[in-house]
Amino acid sequence: MAVKIEERQYPPFGRCLALSNEAAELLVSLDFGPRILSYRLTGGENMLHPDTEEKLVNVDPKLEEYYGPGTVWKNCGGHRLWVSPEAMPETYYPDQEPVAYEQVGESVVLTPPAQKRNNWQYVITITMDRDTSGVTLLHRIINLGETRKAGVWSISVMGQGGFEVIPQPDRPTGLLANRVFAVWPYSDMSDPRVCWGKEYVTLRQDPKGDGPFKIGVNNEHGWAAYFNKGCCFVKRFEHRMDAEYPDGGMSFESYTCPDFIEIESLSPFYTLKTGEWMEHTEKWELKRSESCDPRDQKAVAELVSSAGLGR
């Protein structure tokens, strides 16, 4: 199967670039971002959550103080690239300018304008498989400022109503701990949306949920999955055992609220001199799938196995 690449209008977001084959389609914004706004199987529903109503807008006064009068940050949903660790106002760059792109073979290289004040240059290269729903995302962040320490943070905002599966580390470490969790101040560890299972942590997206919830983990298996709309979205990434990760050692984090759920992978920290860059690769795929009770660990294990995901 050949990969088709073409510009397309995607209301209300404007100009987008569509990458498609017989198995799947992906849409990425060109008038801002870039944000991947849609990823779906052919004939299926979008697994990402685009914010079509602009409900998710950050108006923190620090944004105006730092970037200038009238500055707001629009979530827009979909998939985005950030620098870790999170900071206000630096993280919330108002990325609302047109994005340049270049087609290189069957890949697309997207380059937004360099970030003012932050002195970061983002570049995302998207490559769609010819014969499957698979997509490879290469995230590159170039340091245009002075020497500093940071990491790549890759965030996918998923649609409402599904549940996420996160494999727990199971490396035998004898008398030493083999997993580390981060829990944010607003997270209630007894929240009914989360299940701390033996093999998997599951996290439900619930439109009626009680506020935000966020956790992180040293995800040594290098994958997470989101089951929704008769489909399974799989995100794969590398966890480096010898590396220093943000937020106390987190290579994976997940945030949910009544509007959406975020599936986030993180690179290790890098110390970058002027002109140096850091990279982080994710591999995505979509598979048709059944669902189950996310609190039933046996059923979750069977669902994971049927999706071709191992521990």
Protein backbone atom coordinates (compact mmCIF):
# COMPACT_ATOMS: atom_id res chain seq x y z
CA MET A 1 0.00 0.00 0.00
CA ALA A 2 1.23 3.47 -0.82
CA VAL A 3 1.12 6.32 1.67
CA LYS A 4 -0.86 9.34 0.47
CA ILE A 5 0.15 12.80 1.75
CA GLU A 6 -2.03 15.83 1.00
CA GLU A 7 -3.18 19.15 2.46
CA ARG A 8 -6.76 19.26 3.70
CA GLN A 9 -9.10 21.56 5.60
CA TYR A 10 -10.15 20.23 9.00
CA PRO A 11 -12.76 22.55 10.58
CA PRO A 12 -12.44 24.35 12.93
CA PHE A 13 -8.65 23.93 12.92
CA GLY A 14 -7.99 25.05 9.36
CA ARG A 15 -5.18 23.72 7.18
CA CYS A 16 -3.92 20.24 8.01
CA LEU A 17 -1.71 17.61 6.43
CA ALA A 18 -3.28 14.20 5.97
CA LEU A 19 -1.17 11.02 5.90
CA SER A 20 -3.13 7.93 4.95
CA ASN A 21 -2.99 4.42 3.58
CA GLU A 22 -5.63 1.70 3.30
CA ALA A 23 -5.37 0.95 7.02
CA ALA A 24 -5.40 4.32 8.78
CA GLU A 25 -5.36 8.11 8.57
CA LEU A 26 -3.54 10.81 10.55
CA LEU A 27 -4.16 14.60 10.44
CA VAL A 28 -1.62 17.16 11.68
CA SER A 29 -2.20 20.92 11.92
CA LEU A 30 -0.36 23.40 9.70
CA ASP A 31 -1.88 26.71 10.86
CA PHE A 32 -0.57 26.24 14.42
CA GLY A 33 1.24 23.73 16.56
CA PRO A 34 1.99 21.31 15.09
CA ARG A 35 -0.61 19.10 16.76
CA ILE A 36 -1.70 15.70 15.53
CA LEU A 37 -5.46 16.20 15.74
CA SER A 38 -6.79 12.91 14.41
CA TYR A 39 -5.57 9.31 14.24
CA ARG A 40 -8.03 6.64 13.22
CA LEU A 41 -8.43 3.34 11.48
CA THR A 42 -10.04 3.55 8.06
CA GLY A 43 -13.77 3.60 8.72
CA GLY A 44 -13.16 4.05 12.45
CA GLU A 45 -13.39 6.91 14.92
CA ASN A 46 -10.70 9.38 15.92
CA MET A 47 -8.87 8.06 18.99
CA LEU A 48 -7.41 11.47 19.88
CA HIS A 49 -9.36 14.28 21.52
CA PRO A 50 -9.33 17.54 19.53
CA ASP A 51 -10.66 20.52 21.50
CA THR A 52 -13.08 21.80 18.88
CA GLU A 53 -14.84 24.17 21.31
CA GLU A 54 -11.67 25.77 22.74
CA LYS A 55 -12.76 24.83 26.25
CA LEU A 56 -9.21 24.07 27.32
CA VAL A 57 -7.49 27.47 27.39
CA ASN A 58 -4.89 28.55 29.96
CA VAL A 59 -5.14 32.26 30.84
CA ASP A 60 -2.58 32.40 33.66
CA PRO A 61 -1.44 36.06 34.04
CA LYS A 62 2.19 34.86 34.03
CA LEU A 63 1.74 34.11 30.32
CA GLU A 64 1.06 37.76 29.53
CA GLU A 65 3.92 38.90 31.75
CA TYR A 66 6.36 36.58 29.96
CA TYR A 67 5.14 36.44 26.34
CA GLY A 68 3.23 39.74 26.03
CA PRO A 69 -0.28 41.20 26.38
CA GLY A 70 -3.18 39.00 25.32
CA THR A 71 -1.21 35.74 25.46
CA VAL A 72 -3.18 32.58 26.22
CA TRP A 73 -2.27 28.93 25.73
CA LYS A 74 -4.73 26.75 23.81
CA ASN A 75 -4.66 23.02 24.52
CA CYS A 76 -6.32 22.20 21.15
CA GLY A 77 -6.13 18.52 22.15
CA GLY A 78 -4.45 15.93 19.97
CA HIS A 79 -0.74 15.14 20.26
CA ARG A 80 1.84 17.77 21.15
CA LEU A 81 5.54 18.15 21.95
CA TRP A 82 6.82 19.82 25.13
CA VAL A 83 10.05 20.21 27.09
CA SER A 84 10.27 18.69 30.56
CA PRO A 85 10.24 19.46 33.42
CA GLU A 86 7.03 21.49 33.42
CA ALA A 87 7.24 25.16 34.34
CA MET A 88 4.94 28.16 34.16
CA PRO A 89 5.11 30.15 31.92
CA GLU A 90 7.92 28.56 29.87
CA THR A 91 6.12 25.28 29.12
CA TYR A 92 2.93 26.94 27.90
CA TYR A 93 4.29 28.49 24.75
CA PRO A 94 1.53 30.02 22.56
CA ASP A 95 2.22 27.93 19.47
CA GLN A 96 -0.34 29.58 17.20
CA GLU A 97 1.85 30.39 14.19
CA PRO A 98 1.88 28.55 10.82
CA VAL A 99 4.02 25.42 10.58
CA ALA A 100 6.41 24.73 7.70
CA TYR A 101 6.68 21.20 6.36
CA GLU A 102 8.79 19.21 3.94
CA GLN A 103 7.99 15.84 2.43
CA VAL A 104 11.02 13.54 2.46
CA GLY A 105 10.09 10.32 0.73
CA GLU A 106 7.11 8.98 2.65
CA SER A 107 7.96 11.03 5.75
CA VAL A 108 6.90 14.55 6.65
CA VAL A 109 9.15 16.94 8.59
CA LEU A 110 7.20 19.64 10.47
CA THR A 111 9.01 22.73 11.72
CA PRO A 112 7.21 25.49 13.60
CA PRO A 113 8.87 28.88 14.19
CA ALA A 114 11.51 28.86 16.94
CA GLN A 115 10.11 29.70 20.35
CA LYS A 116 10.68 33.32 21.36
CA ARG A 117 12.19 33.84 24.83
CA ASN A 118 12.43 30.06 25.43
CA ASN A 119 14.96 29.62 22.59
CA TRP A 120 13.82 26.13 21.66
CA GLN A 121 13.31 24.84 18.13
CA TYR A 122 10.87 21.94 17.77
CA VAL A 123 10.94 19.51 14.82
CA ILE A 124 8.62 16.51 14.41
CA THR A 125 9.14 13.90 11.69
CA ILE A 126 6.14 11.65 10.98
CA THR A 127 6.46 8.41 9.02
CA MET A 128 3.45 6.21 8.30
CA ASP A 129 3.92 2.51 7.53
CA ARG A 130 2.93 1.43 4.04
CA ASP A 131 1.03 -1.70 5.04
CA THR A 132 -0.30 -1.14 8.57
CA SER A 133 -1.76 1.53 10.84
CA GLY A 134 1.70 2.05 12.34
CA VAL A 135 3.18 5.53 12.65
CA THR A 136 6.67 6.56 13.82
CA LEU A 137 7.14 9.98 15.43
CA LEU A 138 10.65 11.38 15.82
CA HIS A 139 10.59 14.38 18.17
CA ARG A 140 13.66 16.64 18.05
CA ILE A 141 14.23 19.72 20.23
CA ILE A 142 17.17 22.00 19.44
CA ASN A 143 18.67 24.30 22.05
CA LEU A 144 19.08 27.83 20.66
CA GLY A 145 19.99 29.30 24.06
CA GLU A 146 22.67 28.80 26.66
CA THR A 147 23.71 25.41 28.06
CA ARG A 148 20.86 23.79 30.00
CA LYS A 149 19.42 20.49 31.17
CA ALA A 150 16.03 19.28 29.89
CA GLY A 151 14.11 16.35 28.39
CA VAL A 152 11.66 15.62 25.58
CA TRP A 153 8.03 15.25 26.63
CA SER A 154 5.59 13.63 24.20
CA ILE A 155 1.90 14.05 25.10
CA SER A 156 -1.13 12.41 23.45
CA VAL A 157 -4.58 13.70 24.47
CA MET A 158 -7.05 10.84 24.04
CA GLY A 159 -10.83 10.81 23.67
CA GLN A 160 -13.41 10.40 26.41
CA GLY A 161 -14.82 7.18 27.80
CA GLY A 162 -11.98 4.66 27.48
CA PHE A 163 -9.35 3.25 29.80
CA GLU A 164 -5.58 3.08 29.79
CA VAL A 165 -3.35 0.11 30.61
CA ILE A 166 0.15 0.74 32.01
CA PRO A 167 2.40 -2.30 32.59
CA GLN A 168 4.07 -2.33 35.98
CA PRO A 169 7.84 -2.93 36.14
CA ASP A 170 8.56 -6.56 37.05
CA ARG A 171 12.36 -6.68 36.95
CA PRO A 172 13.63 -8.94 39.78
CA THR A 173 15.67 -6.80 42.16
CA GLY A 174 15.82 -8.97 45.27
CA LEU A 175 15.70 -6.85 48.41
CA LEU A 176 15.62 -3.58 46.44
CA ALA A 177 12.63 -1.76 44.99
CA ASN A 178 11.89 -2.25 41.29
CA ARG A 179 9.33 0.50 40.65
CA VAL A 180 8.95 4.17 41.42
CA PHE A 181 5.69 6.11 41.25
CA ALA A 182 5.14 9.86 41.17
CA VAL A 183 1.80 11.17 42.43
CA TRP A 184 0.83 14.81 41.93
CA PRO A 185 -0.57 16.88 44.85
CA TYR A 186 -4.12 16.95 43.50
CA SER A 187 -4.27 13.15 42.98
CA ASP A 188 -6.29 11.03 45.40
CA MET A 189 -4.71 7.55 45.45
CA SER A 190 -8.13 6.07 46.31
CA ASP A 191 -9.69 7.67 43.21
CA PRO A 192 -12.09 5.10 41.67
CA ARG A 193 -10.72 5.83 38.19
CA VAL A 194 -7.40 4.13 39.00
CA CYS A 195 -6.75 0.46 39.75
CA TRP A 196 -3.35 -0.47 41.23
CA GLY A 197 -3.24 -4.04 39.94
CA LYS A 198 -0.55 -6.68 40.35
CA GLU A 199 0.64 -6.56 36.73
CA TYR A 200 -1.03 -3.44 35.36
CA VAL A 201 -2.18 -0.05 36.50
CA THR A 202 -5.39 0.91 34.73
CA LEU A 203 -6.78 4.43 34.53
CA ARG A 204 -10.27 5.28 33.30
CA GLN A 205 -11.29 8.47 31.55
CA ASP A 206 -14.59 9.45 33.13
CA PRO A 207 -16.48 12.58 31.95
CA LYS A 208 -18.14 12.59 35.38
CA GLY A 209 -14.86 12.09 37.25
CA ASP A 210 -13.93 14.22 40.24
CA GLY A 211 -11.31 16.68 39.02
CA PRO A 212 -7.77 15.91 37.80
CA PHE A 213 -5.57 12.92 38.56
CA LYS A 214 -1.95 12.34 37.51
CA ILE A 215 0.64 9.63 38.09
CA GLY A 216 4.06 8.70 36.72
CA VAL A 217 6.07 5.48 36.69
CA ASN A 218 9.42 4.11 35.52
CA ASN A 219 7.76 2.27 32.63
CA GLU A 220 10.51 -0.23 31.83
CA HIS A 221 8.34 -2.19 29.39
CA GLY A 222 8.17 0.87 27.14
CA TRP A 223 4.52 0.79 26.14
CA ALA A 224 1.03 1.86 27.16
CA ALA A 225 -2.36 1.20 25.57
CA TYR A 226 -5.71 2.98 25.50
CA PHE A 227 -8.89 1.01 24.81
CA ASN A 228 -11.86 2.99 23.48
CA LYS A 229 -14.46 3.02 20.68
CA GLY A 230 -13.79 -0.62 19.75
CA CYS A 231 -10.13 0.13 19.19
CA CYS A 232 -6.77 -0.11 20.95
CA PHE A 233 -4.24 2.71 20.64
CA VAL A 234 -0.70 1.56 21.44
CA LYS A 235 2.20 3.88 22.21
CA ARG A 236 5.73 2.41 22.32
CA PHE A 237 8.94 4.15 23.37
CA GLU A 238 12.37 3.38 24.78
CA HIS A 239 13.04 3.24 28.52
CA ARG A 240 16.77 3.53 29.22
CA MET A 241 17.81 1.74 32.40
CA ASP A 242 20.98 3.79 32.89
CA ALA A 243 19.44 7.24 32.37
CA GLU A 244 18.17 10.04 34.61
CA TYR A 245 14.50 10.83 34.02
CA PRO A 246 12.37 13.83 35.07
CA ASP A 247 10.01 13.98 38.05
CA GLY A 248 12.06 11.57 40.14
CA GLY A 249 12.67 8.92 37.48
CA MET A 250 9.51 8.92 35.37
CA SER A 251 9.71 7.69 31.75
CA PHE A 252 5.92 7.65 31.55
CA GLU A 253 3.14 9.81 32.99
CA SER A 254 -0.62 9.98 32.63
CA TYR A 255 -3.09 12.74 33.46
CA THR A 256 -6.86 12.57 33.35
CA CYS A 257 -9.73 14.96 34.03
CA PRO A 258 -13.42 15.04 33.02
CA ASP A 259 -12.50 16.29 29.52
CA PHE A 260 -9.78 13.86 28.39
CA ILE A 261 -6.87 11.61 29.33
CA GLU A 262 -3.21 12.18 28.43
CA ILE A 263 -0.75 9.39 27.62
CA GLU A 264 2.74 10.84 28.02
CA SER A 265 6.19 9.37 27.39
CA LEU A 266 9.37 11.17 28.41
CA SER A 267 12.99 11.03 27.33
CA PRO A 268 15.90 11.06 29.79
CA PHE A 269 17.44 14.37 30.75
CA TYR A 270 20.05 15.82 28.39
CA THR A 271 22.54 18.62 29.01
CA LEU A 272 22.60 20.63 25.79
CA LYS A 273 25.02 23.29 24.64
CA THR A 274 23.96 25.93 22.14
CA GLY A 275 22.99 24.25 18.84
CA GLU A 276 22.76 20.73 20.30
CA TRP A 277 19.56 18.73 20.28
CA MET A 278 17.74 15.89 22.00
CA GLU A 279 15.46 13.31 20.36
CA HIS A 280 12.69 10.97 21.44
CA THR A 281 10.90 8.40 19.26
CA GLU A 282 7.42 6.98 19.66
CA LYS A 283 5.81 4.23 17.61
CA TRP A 284 2.01 4.17 17.40
CA GLU A 285 -0.46 1.64 16.11
CA LEU A 286 -4.20 1.05 16.14
CA LYS A 287 -5.96 -2.30 16.43
CA ARG A 288 -9.61 -3.22 16.57
CA SER A 289 -10.36 -4.50 20.05
CA GLU A 290 -12.99 -5.51 22.53
CA SER A 291 -13.20 -3.92 25.97
CA CYS A 292 -13.48 -5.15 29.55
CA ASP A 293 -13.80 -4.05 33.16
CA PRO A 294 -10.50 -2.25 33.82
CA ARG A 295 -10.59 -3.38 37.47
CA ASP A 296 -10.57 -7.04 36.43
CA GLN A 297 -6.85 -7.79 36.12
CA LYS A 298 -7.40 -11.21 34.52
CA ALA A 299 -9.65 -9.70 31.84
CA VAL A 300 -7.16 -6.87 31.30
CA ALA A 301 -4.33 -9.37 30.85
CA GLU A 302 -6.38 -11.28 28.26
CA LEU A 303 -7.21 -8.04 26.45
CA VAL A 304 -3.56 -7.02 26.42
CA SER A 305 -2.56 -10.42 25.07
CA SER A 306 -5.19 -10.28 22.32
CA ALA A 307 -3.77 -6.91 21.28
CA GLY A 308 -0.34 -8.52 20.88
CA LEU A 309 1.17 -6.74 23.87
CA GLY A 310 3.40 -8.70 26.20
CA ARG A 311 4.72 -7.87 29.62
